[in-house]
Amino acid sequence: MPKASELKKGMIVDIDGSPHIVKQLEAKSPSSRGAATLYKVRFNNLTTGQKLDSSFKGEDILKEADCIRVSVQYSYLDGDIYYFMDVEDYTQYGLSAGQMEEQIPYLVEQQEDIIALIVDGHLAAIELPQSVNLEVIETPPAVTGSSATNRTKTAQLSTGLEIQVPEYLAPGETVKVNTNTGKFMSRA
């Protein structure tokens, strides 16, 4: 049973009998002495999709939800349902685009290292790896003679995601992108 001070983005807790995933977390330290740090947390209900904003003191205890973490591979998209396959027993799980809208730009077919959160036999959410490798599809050419500055340019990646990359990158190169911040990390 985690305390509110131990919550992390992506953790699943049980609130009023239904599983909720932590989407945003913000710690606020009050200015008066002896006052407890407050944690503002935005949850998404995994069964209904509703958002829930709550505040907790650091010592408040939350109940962990019963969910199974399974390693899956992204298989394909059919309509607006994304299908994932369990890498151990080949079970197929589907998740609608609305339930994972922030994660779609980081998905590539046949991508592994994805963790599925299974609640009552149904896929409730996925956890992406810390970083993914994506190909640069379109970006303006580099300006010659500007290597002394740390300038960036916009690049469109293979999934449609647009990020800022260093000026020396060209189309066709593969880059590593942080899935939490959506920022360029390095060449892959």
Protein backbone atom coordinates (compact mmCIF):
# COMPACT_ATOMS: atom_id res chain seq x y z
CA MET A 1 0.00 0.00 0.00
CA PRO A 2 1.77 3.15 -1.19
CA LYS A 3 1.71 6.46 0.63
CA ALA A 4 0.76 9.57 -1.34
CA SER A 5 4.40 10.69 -1.21
CA GLU A 6 5.44 7.45 -3.01
CA LEU A 7 3.05 7.82 -5.97
CA LYS A 8 4.56 7.92 -9.45
CA LYS A 9 3.08 8.60 -12.87
CA GLY A 10 1.60 5.38 -14.26
CA MET A 11 0.88 3.71 -10.90
CA ILE A 12 -2.57 2.16 -10.48
CA VAL A 13 -4.50 2.60 -7.24
CA ASP A 14 -7.97 1.55 -6.12
CA ILE A 15 -10.32 4.47 -5.41
CA ASP A 16 -13.88 3.61 -4.34
CA GLY A 17 -13.55 0.10 -5.76
CA SER A 18 -12.39 0.99 -9.28
CA PRO A 19 -8.85 1.16 -10.68
CA HIS A 20 -7.38 4.61 -11.36
CA ILE A 21 -4.06 5.37 -13.06
CA VAL A 22 -1.91 8.34 -11.99
CA LYS A 23 -1.66 10.75 -14.96
CA GLN A 24 -0.21 13.89 -13.34
CA LEU A 25 1.46 14.47 -10.00
CA GLU A 26 2.35 17.77 -8.36
CA ALA A 27 3.86 18.32 -4.90
CA LYS A 28 3.11 21.57 -3.08
CA SER A 29 5.12 22.49 0.00
CA PRO A 30 3.29 24.98 2.20
CA SER A 31 5.29 27.93 3.48
CA SER A 32 4.29 27.60 7.14
CA ARG A 33 6.42 25.45 9.41
CA GLY A 34 5.13 22.07 10.39
CA ALA A 35 2.56 21.94 7.61
CA ALA A 36 2.42 18.74 5.57
CA THR A 37 3.35 18.64 1.91
CA LEU A 38 0.27 18.34 -0.27
CA TYR A 39 0.18 16.15 -3.36
CA LYS A 40 -2.22 17.13 -6.13
CA VAL A 41 -2.90 14.08 -8.29
CA ARG A 42 -4.89 13.69 -11.50
CA PHE A 43 -6.22 10.17 -11.97
CA ASN A 44 -7.97 8.54 -14.92
CA ASN A 45 -10.54 5.89 -14.12
CA LEU A 46 -9.47 2.85 -16.15
CA THR A 47 -12.99 1.48 -16.54
CA THR A 48 -14.93 4.66 -17.40
CA GLY A 49 -12.14 6.98 -18.62
CA GLN A 50 -13.27 9.82 -16.33
CA LYS A 51 -10.70 12.17 -14.80
CA LEU A 52 -10.46 12.64 -11.05
CA ASP A 53 -8.45 15.35 -9.29
CA SER A 54 -7.55 14.72 -5.65
CA SER A 55 -5.25 16.16 -3.00
CA PHE A 56 -3.45 14.06 -0.41
CA LYS A 57 -1.06 14.65 2.48
CA GLY A 58 2.26 12.82 2.20
CA GLU A 59 1.31 10.24 4.85
CA ASP A 60 -2.08 9.34 3.36
CA ILE A 61 -2.19 5.68 2.36
CA LEU A 62 -3.78 4.54 -0.89
CA LYS A 63 -4.83 1.02 -1.81
CA GLU A 64 -3.13 -0.63 -4.78
CA ALA A 65 -5.49 -1.92 -7.46
CA ASP A 66 -5.53 -5.56 -8.47
CA CYS A 67 -3.98 -5.60 -11.91
CA ILE A 68 -1.64 -7.86 -13.78
CA ARG A 69 1.37 -6.48 -15.66
CA VAL A 70 2.04 -8.36 -18.89
CA SER A 71 4.74 -7.80 -21.50
CA VAL A 72 3.10 -7.18 -24.88
CA GLN A 73 3.97 -6.29 -28.45
CA TYR A 74 2.02 -3.71 -30.50
CA SER A 75 0.50 -5.67 -33.40
CA TYR A 76 -1.79 -3.52 -35.52
CA LEU A 77 -4.51 -0.86 -35.75
CA ASP A 78 -8.05 -1.80 -36.82
CA GLY A 79 -10.38 1.22 -37.09
CA ASP A 80 -9.71 3.07 -33.85
CA ILE A 81 -8.76 -0.04 -31.83
CA TYR A 82 -5.07 -0.72 -31.20
CA TYR A 83 -4.24 -4.40 -30.76
CA PHE A 84 -1.47 -5.76 -28.55
CA MET A 85 -0.27 -9.35 -28.28
CA ASP A 86 0.98 -11.03 -25.11
CA VAL A 87 4.53 -12.19 -25.92
CA GLU A 88 4.18 -15.32 -23.77
CA ASP A 89 0.80 -16.84 -24.63
CA TYR A 90 -0.12 -14.79 -27.77
CA THR A 91 -3.38 -13.48 -26.28
CA GLN A 92 -4.72 -10.45 -28.21
CA TYR A 93 -5.87 -7.33 -26.31
CA GLY A 94 -7.55 -4.28 -27.82
CA LEU A 95 -7.51 -0.69 -26.58
CA SER A 96 -9.41 2.23 -28.13
CA ALA A 97 -7.61 5.31 -29.38
CA GLY A 98 -9.47 7.48 -26.86
CA GLN A 99 -7.99 5.55 -23.94
CA MET A 100 -4.39 6.11 -25.07
CA GLU A 101 -4.41 9.33 -27.10
CA GLU A 102 -1.17 10.68 -25.54
CA GLN A 103 0.73 7.44 -26.29
CA ILE A 104 -0.23 6.95 -29.95
CA PRO A 105 2.63 9.09 -31.41
CA TYR A 106 5.16 6.74 -29.78
CA LEU A 107 3.74 3.46 -31.16
CA VAL A 108 5.41 1.63 -34.05
CA GLU A 109 4.12 -1.70 -35.41
CA GLN A 110 5.88 -4.75 -33.95
CA GLN A 111 7.19 -2.60 -31.06
CA GLU A 112 8.03 -4.60 -27.95
CA ASP A 113 8.96 -3.48 -24.39
CA ILE A 114 5.36 -2.38 -23.75
CA ILE A 115 3.71 -3.34 -20.47
CA ALA A 116 -0.04 -4.01 -20.52
CA LEU A 117 -2.09 -3.45 -17.38
CA ILE A 118 -4.77 -6.13 -17.25
CA VAL A 119 -7.75 -5.60 -14.91
CA ASP A 120 -10.37 -8.39 -14.68
CA GLY A 121 -9.09 -10.00 -17.90
CA HIS A 122 -9.37 -6.79 -19.96
CA LEU A 123 -6.62 -4.44 -21.13
CA ALA A 124 -7.02 -1.23 -19.13
CA ALA A 125 -3.89 0.72 -20.12
CA ILE A 126 -0.36 0.36 -21.46
CA GLU A 127 2.98 1.59 -20.17
CA LEU A 128 5.48 2.61 -22.84
CA PRO A 129 9.23 2.19 -22.42
CA GLN A 130 11.22 5.24 -21.23
CA SER A 131 12.33 5.96 -24.80
CA VAL A 132 11.50 4.85 -28.35
CA ASN A 133 13.43 4.96 -31.63
CA LEU A 134 11.63 6.78 -34.45
CA GLU A 135 12.73 7.65 -37.98
CA VAL A 136 12.96 11.28 -39.15
CA ILE A 137 10.71 11.61 -42.22
CA GLU A 138 10.85 15.32 -42.95
CA THR A 139 13.02 18.16 -41.73
CA PRO A 140 14.49 21.31 -43.29
CA PRO A 141 18.12 21.13 -44.48
CA ALA A 142 20.89 22.20 -42.10
CA VAL A 143 22.33 25.70 -42.43
CA THR A 144 26.05 25.43 -43.15
CA GLY A 145 28.49 27.33 -41.00
CA SER A 146 26.30 27.37 -37.91
CA SER A 147 27.93 24.52 -36.00
CA ALA A 148 29.09 26.75 -33.15
CA THR A 149 25.54 27.28 -31.93
CA ASN A 150 23.21 24.74 -30.42
CA ARG A 151 20.29 25.40 -32.77
CA THR A 152 17.32 23.13 -33.32
CA LYS A 153 14.76 22.63 -36.05
CA THR A 154 11.39 20.91 -36.29
CA ALA A 155 11.36 17.33 -37.56
CA GLN A 156 8.40 15.15 -38.44
CA LEU A 157 8.87 11.54 -37.34
CA SER A 158 7.50 8.30 -38.82
CA THR A 159 4.47 8.29 -36.47
CA GLY A 160 3.49 11.89 -37.28
CA LEU A 161 5.01 13.28 -34.08
CA GLU A 162 6.81 16.63 -34.48
CA ILE A 163 9.74 17.41 -32.18
CA GLN A 164 12.72 19.74 -32.03
CA VAL A 165 15.98 18.07 -33.12
CA PRO A 166 19.56 19.34 -33.55
CA GLU A 167 20.16 21.11 -36.84
CA TYR A 168 22.61 18.48 -38.18
CA LEU A 169 19.98 15.69 -38.46
CA ALA A 170 18.65 14.76 -41.90
CA PRO A 171 15.63 12.76 -43.14
CA GLY A 172 16.13 8.99 -42.89
CA GLU A 173 18.05 9.10 -39.60
CA THR A 174 16.68 7.41 -36.48
CA VAL A 175 16.39 9.32 -33.22
CA LYS A 176 15.67 8.32 -29.62
CA VAL A 177 12.68 10.17 -28.13
CA ASN A 178 11.71 10.35 -24.43
CA THR A 179 8.11 9.09 -24.10
CA ASN A 180 7.42 11.14 -20.94
CA THR A 181 8.55 14.53 -22.22
CA GLY A 182 8.31 14.03 -25.99
CA LYS A 183 11.81 15.44 -26.45
CA PHE A 184 14.81 14.39 -28.51
CA MET A 185 17.38 12.42 -26.51
CA SER A 186 20.02 11.27 -29.02
CA ARG A 187 20.63 9.54 -32.31
CA ALA A 188 19.64 5.90 -32.20
